[in-house]
């Protein structure tokens, strides 16, 4: 499983956790194809995002203008959370690569408008990511 697929599967698992409040392992298992095994990178994205969710959500909330985090679409929220986790806590991937991957995921799931929204939130959050 390459990193792009790992991000896709991780976003799907995070969406499912947010939507149904299922446990992490069940969510991960449910998003994998029959022939797939979760990579260490995918597991780190899901588990790390959940572990650091309060801190990540505070960064998101501070980056939203005229919105609350609860008003965000579940898919966009899952992607933004995961992307911010990767940007802040995974050092071996350049921030700009992670940023672009998050936007591409948002476009793939929600279209051009979703990509623009995620871009705006991530751009604002990047200003404070090192805090």
C-alpha atoms as a PDB file:
ATOM      1  CA  UNK A   1       0.000   0.000   0.000  1.00  0.00           C
ATOM      2  CA  UNK A   2       1.587   3.256  -1.093  1.00  0.00           C
ATOM      3  CA  UNK A   3       1.161   6.485   0.866  1.00  0.00           C
ATOM      4  CA  UNK A   4      -1.563   7.869  -1.388  1.00  0.00           C
ATOM      5  CA  UNK A   5      -3.729   4.762  -0.897  1.00  0.00           C
ATOM      6  CA  UNK A   6      -2.889   4.763   2.821  1.00  0.00           C
ATOM      7  CA  UNK A   7      -4.142   8.363   3.099  1.00  0.00           C
ATOM      8  CA  UNK A   8      -7.299   7.485   1.202  1.00  0.00           C
ATOM      9  CA  UNK A   9      -8.029   4.478   3.434  1.00  0.00           C
ATOM     10  CA  UNK A  10      -7.163   6.440   6.576  1.00  0.00           C
ATOM     11  CA  UNK A  11      -9.563   9.240   5.595  1.00  0.00           C
ATOM     12  CA  UNK A  12     -12.288   6.659   4.979  1.00  0.00           C
ATOM     13  CA  UNK A  13     -11.674   5.073   8.389  1.00  0.00           C
ATOM     14  CA  UNK A  14     -11.678   8.458  10.148  1.00  0.00           C
ATOM     15  CA  UNK A  15     -14.910   9.380   8.396  1.00  0.00           C
ATOM     16  CA  UNK A  16     -16.485   6.135   9.562  1.00  0.00           C
ATOM     17  CA  UNK A  17     -15.290   6.657  13.146  1.00  0.00           C
ATOM     18  CA  UNK A  18     -16.744  10.176  13.135  1.00  0.00           C
ATOM     19  CA  UNK A  19     -20.031   9.074  11.575  1.00  0.00           C
ATOM     20  CA  UNK A  20     -20.743   5.865  13.488  1.00  0.00           C
ATOM     21  CA  UNK A  21     -18.456   6.128  16.523  1.00  0.00           C
ATOM     22  CA  UNK A  22     -17.122   2.675  15.690  1.00  0.00           C
ATOM     23  CA  UNK A  23     -13.842   1.539  17.194  1.00  0.00           C
ATOM     24  CA  UNK A  24     -10.577   2.172  15.359  1.00  0.00           C
ATOM     25  CA  UNK A  25      -9.762  -1.437  14.479  1.00  0.00           C
ATOM     26  CA  UNK A  26     -13.234  -2.127  13.067  1.00  0.00           C
ATOM     27  CA  UNK A  27     -13.136   1.053  10.991  1.00  0.00           C
ATOM     28  CA  UNK A  28      -9.703   0.218   9.590  1.00  0.00           C
ATOM     29  CA  UNK A  29     -10.731  -3.328   8.751  1.00  0.00           C
ATOM     30  CA  UNK A  30     -13.941  -2.209   7.037  1.00  0.00           C
ATOM     31  CA  UNK A  31     -12.226   0.161   4.592  1.00  0.00           C
ATOM     32  CA  UNK A  32      -9.630  -2.318   3.330  1.00  0.00           C
ATOM     33  CA  UNK A  33     -10.195  -4.284   0.156  1.00  0.00           C
ATOM     34  CA  UNK A  34     -10.033  -8.061   0.510  1.00  0.00           C
ATOM     35  CA  UNK A  35      -6.463  -8.190  -0.774  1.00  0.00           C
ATOM     36  CA  UNK A  36      -5.210  -5.201   1.255  1.00  0.00           C
ATOM     37  CA  UNK A  37      -3.381  -5.062   4.535  1.00  0.00           C
ATOM     38  CA  UNK A  38      -3.161  -1.818   6.488  1.00  0.00           C
ATOM     39  CA  UNK A  39       0.298  -0.264   6.204  1.00  0.00           C
ATOM     40  CA  UNK A  40       2.122   1.148   9.204  1.00  0.00           C
ATOM     41  CA  UNK A  41       1.649   4.592   7.680  1.00  0.00           C
ATOM     42  CA  UNK A  42      -2.115   4.143   7.444  1.00  0.00           C
ATOM     43  CA  UNK A  43      -2.313   2.878  11.027  1.00  0.00           C
ATOM     44  CA  UNK A  44      -0.245   5.822  12.231  1.00  0.00           C
ATOM     45  CA  UNK A  45      -2.499   8.299  10.428  1.00  0.00           C
ATOM     46  CA  UNK A  46      -5.701   6.873  11.891  1.00  0.00           C
ATOM     47  CA  UNK A  47      -4.485   6.222  15.416  1.00  0.00           C
ATOM     48  CA  UNK A  48      -2.430   9.417  15.627  1.00  0.00           C
ATOM     49  CA  UNK A  49      -5.279  11.577  14.356  1.00  0.00           C
ATOM     50  CA  UNK A  50      -7.646  10.093  16.930  1.00  0.00           C
ATOM     51  CA  UNK A  51      -5.074  10.396  19.716  1.00  0.00           C
ATOM     52  CA  UNK A  52      -4.385  14.066  18.953  1.00  0.00           C
ATOM     53  CA  UNK A  53      -7.951  14.980  17.956  1.00  0.00           C
ATOM     54  CA  UNK A  54      -8.537  17.606  20.695  1.00  0.00           C
ATOM     55  CA  UNK A  55      -5.355  19.479  19.774  1.00  0.00           C
ATOM     56  CA  UNK A  56      -6.046  19.182  16.043  1.00  0.00           C
ATOM     57  CA  UNK A  57      -9.654  20.300  16.457  1.00  0.00           C
ATOM     58  CA  UNK A  58      -8.551  23.416  18.316  1.00  0.00           C
ATOM     59  CA  UNK A  59      -6.285  24.307  15.367  1.00  0.00           C
ATOM     60  CA  UNK A  60      -9.159  23.707  12.950  1.00  0.00           C
ATOM     61  CA  UNK A  61     -11.593  25.785  15.029  1.00  0.00           C
ATOM     62  CA  UNK A  62      -9.124  28.666  15.139  1.00  0.00           C
ATOM     63  CA  UNK A  63      -8.771  28.455  11.343  1.00  0.00           C
ATOM     64  CA  UNK A  64     -12.464  28.567  10.492  1.00  0.00           C
ATOM     65  CA  UNK A  65     -13.993  31.921   9.687  1.00  0.00           C
ATOM     66  CA  UNK A  66     -17.743  32.092  10.133  1.00  0.00           C
ATOM     67  CA  UNK A  67     -17.961  28.326  10.662  1.00  0.00           C
ATOM     68  CA  UNK A  68     -17.755  25.892  13.516  1.00  0.00           C
ATOM     69  CA  UNK A  69     -16.053  22.529  13.290  1.00  0.00           C
ATOM     70  CA  UNK A  70     -19.430  20.837  13.775  1.00  0.00           C
ATOM     71  CA  UNK A  71     -20.733  22.495  10.599  1.00  0.00           C
ATOM     72  CA  UNK A  72     -17.929  21.059   8.482  1.00  0.00           C
ATOM     73  CA  UNK A  73     -18.801  18.143   6.261  1.00  0.00           C
ATOM     74  CA  UNK A  74     -17.704  14.847   7.779  1.00  0.00           C
ATOM     75  CA  UNK A  75     -15.459  13.984   4.844  1.00  0.00           C
ATOM     76  CA  UNK A  76     -13.783  17.399   4.831  1.00  0.00           C
ATOM     77  CA  UNK A  77     -13.332  17.239   8.604  1.00  0.00           C
ATOM     78  CA  UNK A  78     -11.749  13.781   8.429  1.00  0.00           C
ATOM     79  CA  UNK A  79      -9.357  14.904   5.683  1.00  0.00           C
ATOM     80  CA  UNK A  80      -8.385  18.144   7.443  1.00  0.00           C
ATOM     81  CA  UNK A  81      -7.816  16.353  10.758  1.00  0.00           C
ATOM     82  CA  UNK A  82      -5.666  13.688   9.150  1.00  0.00           C
ATOM     83  CA  UNK A  83      -3.694  16.190   7.060  1.00  0.00           C
ATOM     84  CA  UNK A  84      -2.981  18.413  10.059  1.00  0.00           C
ATOM     85  CA  UNK A  85      -1.899  15.376  12.071  1.00  0.00           C
ATOM     86  CA  UNK A  86       0.517  14.365   9.320  1.00  0.00           C
ATOM     87  CA  UNK A  87       1.855  17.920   8.952  1.00  0.00           C
ATOM     88  CA  UNK A  88       2.484  18.346  12.666  1.00  0.00           C
ATOM     89  CA  UNK A  89       3.567  14.897  13.811  1.00  0.00           C
ATOM     90  CA  UNK A  90       5.170  13.074  10.870  1.00  0.00           C
ATOM     91  CA  UNK A  91       8.554  14.622  10.207  1.00  0.00           C
ATOM     92  CA  UNK A  92       9.810  12.642   7.215  1.00  0.00           C
ATOM     93  CA  UNK A  93       7.226  13.997   4.763  1.00  0.00           C
ATOM     94  CA  UNK A  94       7.524  17.598   3.540  1.00  0.00           C
ATOM     95  CA  UNK A  95       4.623  19.760   4.714  1.00  0.00           C
ATOM     96  CA  UNK A  96       3.873  20.965   1.183  1.00  0.00           C
ATOM     97  CA  UNK A  97       3.509  17.346  -0.008  1.00  0.00           C
ATOM     98  CA  UNK A  98       1.068  16.573   2.801  1.00  0.00           C
ATOM     99  CA  UNK A  99      -0.814  19.822   2.127  1.00  0.00           C
ATOM    100  CA  UNK A 100      -1.240  18.994  -1.565  1.00  0.00           C
ATOM    101  CA  UNK A 101      -2.261  15.398  -0.841  1.00  0.00           C
ATOM    102  CA  UNK A 102      -4.971  16.623   1.543  1.00  0.00           C
ATOM    103  CA  UNK A 103      -6.387  18.968  -1.090  1.00  0.00           C
ATOM    104  CA  UNK A 104      -6.339  16.239  -3.744  1.00  0.00           C
ATOM    105  CA  UNK A 105      -8.184  13.874  -1.398  1.00  0.00           C
ATOM    106  CA  UNK A 106     -10.820  16.525  -0.746  1.00  0.00           C
ATOM    107  CA  UNK A 107     -11.279  17.067  -4.483  1.00  0.00           C
ATOM    108  CA  UNK A 108     -11.558  13.325  -5.074  1.00  0.00           C
ATOM    109  CA  UNK A 109     -14.236  12.893  -2.420  1.00  0.00           C
ATOM    110  CA  UNK A 110     -16.100  16.184  -2.571  1.00  0.00           C
ATOM    111  CA  UNK A 111     -15.218  17.908  -5.793  1.00  0.00           C
ATOM    112  CA  UNK A 112     -13.617  21.235  -6.567  1.00  0.00           C
ATOM    113  CA  UNK A 113     -15.528  23.198  -3.892  1.00  0.00           C
ATOM    114  CA  UNK A 114     -14.447  20.764  -1.211  1.00  0.00           C
ATOM    115  CA  UNK A 115     -10.860  21.133  -2.401  1.00  0.00           C
ATOM    116  CA  UNK A 116     -11.090  24.921  -2.124  1.00  0.00           C
ATOM    117  CA  UNK A 117     -12.604  24.736   1.361  1.00  0.00           C
ATOM    118  CA  UNK A 118      -9.951  22.299   2.619  1.00  0.00           C
ATOM    119  CA  UNK A 119      -7.235  24.429   1.016  1.00  0.00           C
ATOM    120  CA  UNK A 120      -8.470  27.490   2.898  1.00  0.00           C
ATOM    121  CA  UNK A 121      -8.698  25.741   6.256  1.00  0.00           C
ATOM    122  CA  UNK A 122      -5.299  24.072   5.868  1.00  0.00           C
ATOM    123  CA  UNK A 123      -3.661  27.314   4.712  1.00  0.00           C
ATOM    124  CA  UNK A 124      -4.912  29.152   7.795  1.00  0.00           C
ATOM    125  CA  UNK A 125      -4.040  26.252  10.134  1.00  0.00           C
ATOM    126  CA  UNK A 126      -0.497  26.032   8.747  1.00  0.00           C
ATOM    127  CA  UNK A 127       0.191  29.469  10.179  1.00  0.00           C
ATOM    128  CA  UNK A 128      -0.192  28.050  13.686  1.00  0.00           C
ATOM    129  CA  UNK A 129       0.820  24.421  13.175  1.00  0.00           C
ATOM    130  CA  UNK A 130       4.133  24.849  14.973  1.00  0.00           C
ATOM    131  CA  UNK A 131       2.478  26.232  18.132  1.00  0.00           C
END
